[in-house]
PDB file of N, CA and C in Angstrom:
ATOM      1  N   MET A   1     -17.994 184.783  45.933  1.00  0.00           N
ATOM      2  CA  MET A   1     -18.236 184.694  47.236  1.00  0.00           C
ATOM      3  C   MET A   1     -17.531 185.876  48.001  1.00  0.00           C
ATOM      4  N   ALA A   2     -18.192 186.759  48.674  1.00  0.00           N
ATOM      5  CA  ALA A   2     -17.630 188.034  49.129  1.00  0.00           C
ATOM      6  C   ALA A   2     -16.726 187.638  50.440  1.00  0.00           C
ATOM      7  N   ILE A   3     -15.567 188.229  50.565  1.00  0.00           N
ATOM      8  CA  ILE A   3     -14.777 188.039  51.793  1.00  0.00           C
ATOM      9  C   ILE A   3     -15.317 188.764  53.093  1.00  0.00           C
ATOM     10  N   GLU A   4     -15.437 188.176  54.051  1.00  0.00           N
ATOM     11  CA  GLU A   4     -16.021 188.860  55.142  1.00  0.00           C
ATOM     12  C   GLU A   4     -15.220 189.728  55.908  1.00  0.00           C
ATOM     13  N   ASN A   5     -15.826 190.984  56.248  1.00  0.00           N
ATOM     14  CA  ASN A   5     -14.801 192.042  56.988  1.00  0.00           C
ATOM     15  C   ASN A   5     -15.697 192.429  58.164  1.00  0.00           C
ATOM     16  N   ILE A   6     -15.118 192.130  59.331  1.00  0.00           N
ATOM     17  CA  ILE A   6     -15.899 192.492  60.677  1.00  0.00           C
ATOM     18  C   ILE A   6     -16.040 193.884  60.745  1.00  0.00           C
ATOM     19  N   PHE A   7     -15.112 194.695  60.218  1.00  0.00           N
ATOM     20  CA  PHE A   7     -15.207 196.176  60.259  1.00  0.00           C
ATOM     21  C   PHE A   7     -16.376 196.783  59.475  1.00  0.00           C
ATOM     22  N   SER A   8     -16.789 195.968  58.288  1.00  0.00           N
ATOM     23  CA  SER A   8     -17.883 196.376  57.633  1.00  0.00           C
ATOM     24  C   SER A   8     -19.148 196.070  58.333  1.00  0.00           C
ATOM     25  N   ASP A   9     -19.084 194.943  58.912  1.00  0.00           N
ATOM     26  CA  ASP A   9     -20.029 194.529  59.797  1.00  0.00           C
ATOM     27  C   ASP A   9     -20.387 195.593  60.959  1.00  0.00           C
ATOM     28  N   LEU A  10     -19.380 196.287  61.588  1.00  0.00           N
ATOM     29  CA  LEU A  10     -19.503 197.178  62.588  1.00  0.00           C
ATOM     30  C   LEU A  10     -19.910 198.441  62.093  1.00  0.00           C
ATOM     31  N   GLY A  11     -20.072 198.705  60.807  1.00  0.00           N
ATOM     32  CA  GLY A  11     -20.608 199.840  60.254  1.00  0.00           C
ATOM     33  C   GLY A  11     -19.477 200.927  59.568  1.00  0.00           C
ATOM     34  N   PHE A  12     -18.415 200.404  59.516  1.00  0.00           N
ATOM     35  CA  PHE A  12     -17.348 201.348  58.904  1.00  0.00           C
ATOM     36  C   PHE A  12     -17.546 201.344  57.521  1.00  0.00           C
ATOM     37  N   PRO A  13     -17.371 202.460  56.816  1.00  0.00           N
ATOM     38  CA  PRO A  13     -17.420 202.612  55.233  1.00  0.00           C
ATOM     39  C   PRO A  13     -16.506 201.755  54.624  1.00  0.00           C
ATOM     40  N   GLY A  14     -16.897 201.253  53.415  1.00  0.00           N
ATOM     41  CA  GLY A  14     -16.025 200.492  52.486  1.00  0.00           C
ATOM     42  C   GLY A  14     -14.569 200.454  52.521  1.00  0.00           C
ATOM     43  N   GLU A  15     -13.989 201.737  52.124  1.00  0.00           N
ATOM     44  CA  GLU A  15     -12.659 201.967  52.159  1.00  0.00           C
ATOM     45  C   GLU A  15     -11.988 201.966  53.451  1.00  0.00           C
ATOM     46  N   GLU A  16     -12.593 202.500  54.514  1.00  0.00           N
ATOM     47  CA  GLU A  16     -12.058 202.304  55.814  1.00  0.00           C
ATOM     48  C   GLU A  16     -12.067 201.007  56.478  1.00  0.00           C
ATOM     49  N   ALA A  17     -13.130 200.303  56.151  1.00  0.00           N
ATOM     50  CA  ALA A  17     -13.190 198.913  56.631  1.00  0.00           C
ATOM     51  C   ALA A  17     -12.116 198.112  55.917  1.00  0.00           C
ATOM     52  N   GLU A  18     -11.871 198.327  54.702  1.00  0.00           N
ATOM     53  CA  GLU A  18     -10.814 197.435  54.125  1.00  0.00           C
ATOM     54  C   GLU A  18      -9.437 197.806  54.636  1.00  0.00           C
ATOM     55  N   ASN A  19      -9.105 199.073  54.843  1.00  0.00           N
ATOM     56  CA  ASN A  19      -7.903 199.473  55.458  1.00  0.00           C
ATOM     57  C   ASN A  19      -7.697 199.037  57.032  1.00  0.00           C
ATOM     58  N   LEU A  20      -8.859 198.932  57.724  1.00  0.00           N
ATOM     59  CA  LEU A  20      -8.750 198.300  59.013  1.00  0.00           C
ATOM     60  C   LEU A  20      -8.504 197.010  59.043  1.00  0.00           C
ATOM     61  N   LYS A  21      -9.206 196.321  58.031  1.00  0.00           N
ATOM     62  CA  LYS A  21      -8.866 194.755  57.884  1.00  0.00           C
ATOM     63  C   LYS A  21      -7.374 194.514  57.604  1.00  0.00           C
ATOM     64  N   VAL A  22      -6.760 195.190  56.663  1.00  0.00           N
ATOM     65  CA  VAL A  22      -5.415 194.991  56.193  1.00  0.00           C
ATOM     66  C   VAL A  22      -4.568 195.277  57.448  1.00  0.00           C
ATOM     67  N   ARG A  23      -4.596 196.374  58.128  1.00  0.00           N
ATOM     68  CA  ARG A  23      -3.926 196.649  59.382  1.00  0.00           C
ATOM     69  C   ARG A  23      -4.105 195.671  60.563  1.00  0.00           C
ATOM     70  N   SER A  24      -5.290 195.249  60.749  1.00  0.00           N
ATOM     71  CA  SER A  24      -5.518 194.231  61.825  1.00  0.00           C
ATOM     72  C   SER A  24      -4.786 192.778  61.456  1.00  0.00           C
ATOM     73  N   THR A  25      -4.822 192.521  60.228  1.00  0.00           N
ATOM     74  CA  THR A  25      -4.207 191.387  59.772  1.00  0.00           C
ATOM     75  C   THR A  25      -2.812 191.437  60.059  1.00  0.00           C
ATOM     76  N   LEU A  26      -2.125 192.539  59.597  1.00  0.00           N
ATOM     77  CA  LEU A  26      -0.641 192.691  59.686  1.00  0.00           C
ATOM     78  C   LEU A  26      -0.351 192.650  61.242  1.00  0.00           C
ATOM     79  N   MET A  27      -1.025 193.353  61.872  1.00  0.00           N
ATOM     80  CA  MET A  27      -0.763 193.322  63.446  1.00  0.00           C
ATOM     81  C   MET A  27      -0.943 192.105  64.106  1.00  0.00           C
ATOM     82  N   MET A  28      -1.826 191.213  63.531  1.00  0.00           N
ATOM     83  CA  MET A  28      -2.011 189.844  64.264  1.00  0.00           C
ATOM     84  C   MET A  28      -0.777 188.918  63.831  1.00  0.00           C
ATOM     85  N   GLU A  29      -0.206 189.223  62.520  1.00  0.00           N
ATOM     86  CA  GLU A  29       0.856 188.515  62.112  1.00  0.00           C
ATOM     87  C   GLU A  29       2.067 188.751  62.942  1.00  0.00           C
ATOM     88  N   ILE A  30       2.294 189.957  63.284  1.00  0.00           N
ATOM     89  CA  ILE A  30       3.448 190.326  63.969  1.00  0.00           C
ATOM     90  C   ILE A  30       3.325 189.772  65.503  1.00  0.00           C
ATOM     91  N   VAL A  31       2.112 189.837  66.036  1.00  0.00           N
ATOM     92  CA  VAL A  31       1.987 189.218  67.358  1.00  0.00           C
ATOM     93  C   VAL A  31       2.130 187.788  67.350  1.00  0.00           C
ATOM     94  N   ARG A  32       1.740 186.931  66.192  1.00  0.00           N
ATOM     95  CA  ARG A  32       1.989 185.803  65.956  1.00  0.00           C
ATOM     96  C   ARG A  32       3.420 185.240  65.967  1.00  0.00           C
ATOM     97  N   VAL A  33       4.078 186.202  65.261  1.00  0.00           N
ATOM     98  CA  VAL A  33       5.786 185.957  65.293  1.00  0.00           C
ATOM     99  C   VAL A  33       6.393 186.037  66.677  1.00  0.00           C
ATOM    100  N   MET A  34       5.910 187.091  67.546  1.00  0.00           N
ATOM    101  CA  MET A  34       6.329 187.320  68.672  1.00  0.00           C
ATOM    102  C   MET A  34       5.922 186.018  69.675  1.00  0.00           C
ATOM    103  N   GLU A  35       4.738 185.536  69.626  1.00  0.00           N
ATOM    104  CA  GLU A  35       4.476 184.416  70.262  1.00  0.00           C
ATOM    105  C   GLU A  35       5.183 183.117  70.014  1.00  0.00           C
ATOM    106  N   ALA A  36       5.222 182.775  68.645  1.00  0.00           N
ATOM    107  CA  ALA A  36       6.019 181.683  68.121  1.00  0.00           C
ATOM    108  C   ALA A  36       7.429 181.676  68.456  1.00  0.00           C
ATOM    109  N   ARG A  37       8.153 182.984  68.746  1.00  0.00           N
ATOM    110  CA  ARG A  37       9.464 182.929  69.013  1.00  0.00           C
ATOM    111  C   ARG A  37       9.717 183.216  70.456  1.00  0.00           C
ATOM    112  N   GLY A  38       8.598 183.455  71.157  1.00  0.00           N
ATOM    113  CA  GLY A  38       8.740 183.429  72.747  1.00  0.00           C
ATOM    114  C   GLY A  38       9.364 184.936  73.047  1.00  0.00           C
ATOM    115  N   LEU A  39       9.071 185.954  72.160  1.00  0.00           N
ATOM    116  CA  LEU A  39       9.742 187.257  72.397  1.00  0.00           C
ATOM    117  C   LEU A  39       9.133 188.118  73.399  1.00  0.00           C
ATOM    118  N   LYS A  40       9.811 188.658  74.118  1.00  0.00           N
ATOM    119  CA  LYS A  40       9.360 189.767  75.172  1.00  0.00           C
ATOM    120  C   LYS A  40       9.447 190.994  74.319  1.00  0.00           C
ATOM    121  N   GLN A  41       8.496 192.097  74.774  1.00  0.00           N
ATOM    122  CA  GLN A  41       8.392 193.162  73.868  1.00  0.00           C
ATOM    123  C   GLN A  41       9.643 194.021  73.697  1.00  0.00           C
ATOM    124  N   ARG A  42      10.620 193.838  74.616  1.00  0.00           N
ATOM    125  CA  ARG A  42      11.934 194.551  74.172  1.00  0.00           C
ATOM    126  C   ARG A  42      12.657 193.698  73.038  1.00  0.00           C
ATOM    127  N   GLU A  43      12.655 192.450  73.089  1.00  0.00           N
ATOM    128  CA  GLU A  43      13.205 191.631  71.932  1.00  0.00           C
ATOM    129  C   GLU A  43      12.470 191.940  70.675  1.00  0.00           C
ATOM    130  N   ALA A  44      11.202 192.019  70.737  1.00  0.00           N
ATOM    131  CA  ALA A  44      10.362 192.170  69.491  1.00  0.00           C
ATOM    132  C   ALA A  44      10.584 193.557  68.935  1.00  0.00           C
ATOM    133  N   ALA A  45      10.832 194.518  69.959  1.00  0.00           N
ATOM    134  CA  ALA A  45      11.231 195.878  69.354  1.00  0.00           C
ATOM    135  C   ALA A  45      12.500 195.812  68.551  1.00  0.00           C
ATOM    136  N   ARG A  46      13.386 195.139  68.958  1.00  0.00           N
ATOM    137  CA  ARG A  46      14.607 195.104  68.323  1.00  0.00           C
ATOM    138  C   ARG A  46      14.532 194.300  66.969  1.00  0.00           C
ATOM    139  N   LEU A  47      13.791 193.233  66.993  1.00  0.00           N
ATOM    140  CA  LEU A  47      13.483 192.453  65.612  1.00  0.00           C
ATOM    141  C   LEU A  47      12.879 193.246  64.745  1.00  0.00           C
ATOM    142  N   PHE A  48      11.765 193.978  65.064  1.00  0.00           N
ATOM    143  CA  PHE A  48      10.908 194.722  64.166  1.00  0.00           C
ATOM    144  C   PHE A  48      11.374 196.226  63.904  1.00  0.00           C
ATOM    145  N   GLY A  49      12.525 196.689  64.518  1.00  0.00           N
ATOM    146  CA  GLY A  49      13.103 197.910  64.446  1.00  0.00           C
ATOM    147  C   GLY A  49      12.222 199.088  64.903  1.00  0.00           C
ATOM    148  N   VAL A  50      11.644 198.967  65.962  1.00  0.00           N
ATOM    149  CA  VAL A  50      10.793 199.954  66.651  1.00  0.00           C
ATOM    150  C   VAL A  50      11.026 200.003  68.143  1.00  0.00           C
ATOM    151  N   SER A  51      10.460 201.006  68.716  1.00  0.00           N
ATOM    152  CA  SER A  51      10.586 201.017  70.104  1.00  0.00           C
ATOM    153  C   SER A  51       9.745 200.007  70.892  1.00  0.00           C
ATOM    154  N   GLN A  52      10.080 199.691  72.201  1.00  0.00           N
ATOM    155  CA  GLN A  52       9.191 198.970  73.025  1.00  0.00           C
ATOM    156  C   GLN A  52       7.938 199.397  73.226  1.00  0.00           C
ATOM    157  N   PRO A  53       7.759 200.694  73.346  1.00  0.00           N
ATOM    158  CA  PRO A  53       6.391 201.287  73.500  1.00  0.00           C
ATOM    159  C   PRO A  53       5.456 201.118  72.207  1.00  0.00           C
ATOM    160  N   ARG A  54       6.073 201.124  71.189  1.00  0.00           N
ATOM    161  CA  ARG A  54       5.511 200.828  69.911  1.00  0.00           C
ATOM    162  C   ARG A  54       4.859 199.241  69.905  1.00  0.00           C
ATOM    163  N   ILE A  55       5.830 198.453  70.348  1.00  0.00           N
ATOM    164  CA  ILE A  55       5.318 197.126  70.483  1.00  0.00           C
ATOM    165  C   ILE A  55       4.170 196.983  71.452  1.00  0.00           C
ATOM    166  N   SER A  56       4.264 197.623  72.495  1.00  0.00           N
ATOM    167  CA  SER A  56       3.067 197.614  73.425  1.00  0.00           C
ATOM    168  C   SER A  56       1.782 198.248  72.939  1.00  0.00           C
ATOM    169  N   GLU A  57       1.839 199.147  72.090  1.00  0.00           N
ATOM    170  CA  GLU A  57       0.667 199.643  71.344  1.00  0.00           C
ATOM    171  C   GLU A  57       0.099 198.646  70.664  1.00  0.00           C
ATOM    172  N   LEU A  58       0.971 197.965  69.799  1.00  0.00           N
ATOM    173  CA  LEU A  58       0.582 196.923  68.893  1.00  0.00           C
ATOM    174  C   LEU A  58      -0.006 195.784  69.600  1.00  0.00           C
ATOM    175  N   VAL A  59       0.577 195.332  70.588  1.00  0.00           N
ATOM    176  CA  VAL A  59       0.106 194.172  71.466  1.00  0.00           C
ATOM    177  C   VAL A  59      -1.323 194.655  72.124  1.00  0.00           C
ATOM    178  N   HIS A  60      -1.500 195.685  72.394  1.00  0.00           N
ATOM    179  CA  HIS A  60      -2.827 196.288  73.014  1.00  0.00           C
ATOM    180  C   HIS A  60      -3.897 196.641  72.014  1.00  0.00           C
ATOM    181  N   GLY A  61      -3.565 196.372  70.627  1.00  0.00           N
ATOM    182  CA  GLY A  61      -4.454 196.538  69.652  1.00  0.00           C
ATOM    183  C   GLY A  61      -4.928 198.024  69.358  1.00  0.00           C
ATOM    184  N   LYS A  62      -3.846 198.873  69.447  1.00  0.00           N
ATOM    185  CA  LYS A  62      -4.044 200.323  69.217  1.00  0.00           C
ATOM    186  C   LYS A  62      -3.946 200.480  67.683  1.00  0.00           C
ATOM    187  N   ILE A  63      -4.877 199.993  66.830  1.00  0.00           N
ATOM    188  CA  ILE A  63      -4.915 200.041  65.478  1.00  0.00           C
ATOM    189  C   ILE A  63      -4.713 201.470  64.868  1.00  0.00           C
ATOM    190  N   ASP A  64      -5.376 202.508  65.646  1.00  0.00           N
ATOM    191  CA  ASP A  64      -5.268 203.851  65.078  1.00  0.00           C
ATOM    192  C   ASP A  64      -3.962 204.320  65.110  1.00  0.00           C
ATOM    193  N   GLN A  65      -2.945 203.650  65.768  1.00  0.00           N
ATOM    194  CA  GLN A  65      -1.542 204.193  65.906  1.00  0.00           C
ATOM    195  C   GLN A  65      -0.694 203.470  64.776  1.00  0.00           C
ATOM    196  N   PHE A  66      -1.322 202.688  63.894  1.00  0.00           N
ATOM    197  CA  PHE A  66      -0.396 202.156  62.908  1.00  0.00           C
ATOM    198  C   PHE A  66      -0.916 202.256  61.474  1.00  0.00           C
ATOM    199  N   SER A  67      -0.095 202.690  60.569  1.00  0.00           N
ATOM    200  CA  SER A  67      -0.393 202.628  59.168  1.00  0.00           C
ATOM    201  C   SER A  67      -0.068 201.290  58.539  1.00  0.00           C
ATOM    202  N   ILE A  68      -0.683 201.026  57.385  1.00  0.00           N
ATOM    203  CA  ILE A  68      -0.247 199.887  56.718  1.00  0.00           C
ATOM    204  C   ILE A  68       1.266 199.886  56.328  1.00  0.00           C
ATOM    205  N   ASP A  69       1.709 201.055  55.850  1.00  0.00           N
ATOM    206  CA  ASP A  69       3.164 201.130  55.740  1.00  0.00           C
ATOM    207  C   ASP A  69       3.953 200.878  56.703  1.00  0.00           C
ATOM    208  N   SER A  70       3.743 201.257  57.939  1.00  0.00           N
ATOM    209  CA  SER A  70       4.493 201.245  59.168  1.00  0.00           C
ATOM    210  C   SER A  70       4.586 199.692  59.657  1.00  0.00           C
ATOM    211  N   LEU A  71       3.503 198.959  59.302  1.00  0.00           N
ATOM    212  CA  LEU A  71       3.348 197.622  59.776  1.00  0.00           C
ATOM    213  C   LEU A  71       4.020 196.788  58.862  1.00  0.00           C
ATOM    214  N   ILE A  72       4.119 197.043  57.540  1.00  0.00           N
ATOM    215  CA  ILE A  72       4.929 196.389  56.381  1.00  0.00           C
ATOM    216  C   ILE A  72       6.346 196.610  56.652  1.00  0.00           C
ATOM    217  N   ASN A  73       6.675 197.852  56.987  1.00  0.00           N
ATOM    218  CA  ASN A  73       8.023 198.118  57.295  1.00  0.00           C
ATOM    219  C   ASN A  73       8.625 197.322  58.469  1.00  0.00           C
ATOM    220  N   MET A  74       7.657 197.234  59.466  1.00  0.00           N
ATOM    221  CA  MET A  74       8.218 196.493  60.743  1.00  0.00           C
ATOM    222  C   MET A  74       8.467 195.013  60.301  1.00  0.00           C
ATOM    223  N   LEU A  75       7.757 194.450  59.408  1.00  0.00           N
ATOM    224  CA  LEU A  75       7.853 192.944  59.109  1.00  0.00           C
ATOM    225  C   LEU A  75       8.921 192.895  58.099  1.00  0.00           C
ATOM    226  N   ALA A  76       9.239 193.828  57.177  1.00  0.00           N
ATOM    227  CA  ALA A  76      10.369 193.738  56.378  1.00  0.00           C
ATOM    228  C   ALA A  76      11.667 193.959  57.227  1.00  0.00           C
ATOM    229  N   HIS A  77      11.709 194.656  58.235  1.00  0.00           N
ATOM    230  CA  HIS A  77      12.810 194.730  59.027  1.00  0.00           C
ATOM    231  C   HIS A  77      13.149 193.578  59.597  1.00  0.00           C
ATOM    232  N   ALA A  78      12.234 192.647  59.931  1.00  0.00           N
ATOM    233  CA  ALA A  78      12.402 191.541  60.493  1.00  0.00           C
ATOM    234  C   ALA A  78      12.674 190.419  59.451  1.00  0.00           C
ATOM    235  N   GLY A  79      12.632 190.710  58.136  1.00  0.00           N
ATOM    236  CA  GLY A  79      13.115 189.691  57.174  1.00  0.00           C
ATOM    237  C   GLY A  79      11.845 189.094  56.574  1.00  0.00           C
ATOM    238  N   PHE A  80      10.820 189.591  56.716  1.00  0.00           N
ATOM    239  CA  PHE A  80       9.585 188.924  56.205  1.00  0.00           C
ATOM    240  C   PHE A  80       9.241 189.696  54.739  1.00  0.00           C
ATOM    241  N   HIS A  81       8.631 188.828  53.888  1.00  0.00           N
ATOM    242  CA  HIS A  81       8.098 189.577  52.562  1.00  0.00           C
ATOM    243  C   HIS A  81       6.563 189.445  52.777  1.00  0.00           C
ATOM    244  N   VAL A  82       6.092 190.664  52.426  1.00  0.00           N
ATOM    245  CA  VAL A  82       4.684 190.803  52.543  1.00  0.00           C
ATOM    246  C   VAL A  82       4.090 190.705  51.128  1.00  0.00           C
ATOM    247  N   GLU A  83       3.025 189.892  50.882  1.00  0.00           N
ATOM    248  CA  GLU A  83       2.405 190.046  49.610  1.00  0.00           C
ATOM    249  C   GLU A  83       1.064 190.573  49.684  1.00  0.00           C
ATOM    250  N   VAL A  84       0.500 191.147  48.753  1.00  0.00           N
ATOM    251  CA  VAL A  84      -0.792 191.852  48.646  1.00  0.00           C
ATOM    252  C   VAL A  84      -1.518 190.994  47.408  1.00  0.00           C
ATOM    253  N   ARG A  85      -2.586 190.397  47.770  1.00  0.00           N
ATOM    254  CA  ARG A  85      -3.382 189.838  46.799  1.00  0.00           C
ATOM    255  C   ARG A  85      -4.804 190.591  46.580  1.00  0.00           C
ATOM    256  N   VAL A  86      -5.181 190.773  45.481  1.00  0.00           N
ATOM    257  CA  VAL A  86      -6.495 191.371  45.181  1.00  0.00           C
ATOM    258  C   VAL A  86      -7.204 190.378  44.479  1.00  0.00           C
ATOM    259  N   PRO A  87      -8.441 189.827  44.980  1.00  0.00           N
ATOM    260  CA  PRO A  87      -9.105 188.960  44.256  1.00  0.00           C
ATOM    261  C   PRO A  87      -9.858 189.461  42.922  1.00  0.00           C
ATOM    262  N   ALA A  88      -9.901 188.474  41.996  1.00  0.00           N
ATOM    263  CA  ALA A  88     -10.479 188.990  40.716  1.00  0.00           C
ATOM    264  C   ALA A  88     -11.750 189.546  40.835  1.00  0.00           C
ATOM    265  N   VAL A  89     -12.299 190.343  40.052  1.00  0.00           N
ATOM    266  CA  VAL A  89     -13.591 190.949  40.118  1.00  0.00           C
ATOM    267  C   VAL A  89     -14.451 190.021  39.291  1.00  0.00           C
ATOM    268  N   THR A  90     -15.645 189.756  39.860  1.00  0.00           N
ATOM    269  CA  THR A  90     -16.496 188.785  39.017  1.00  0.00           C
ATOM    270  C   THR A  90     -17.907 189.526  38.751  1.00  0.00           C
TER     271      THR A  90
END
């Protein structure tokens, strides 16, 4: 069973769609942490080791402003461990 990817559905080529999917997933996780902890943007910036304007870009979904590396680094700075799983090819 193929994993759905909204970015593929929107017409992005395969590799770009996968990259966008990973970035959006990481961004959503950061926002979930902020919401779960009731963090304001300034507090979140300290937790994730970035500036408040970077958090604002993230909260406003500016996906083009973030690389996978930068998002993983933000989560790692906050003490989270990010795992990557690749499904077996059938």
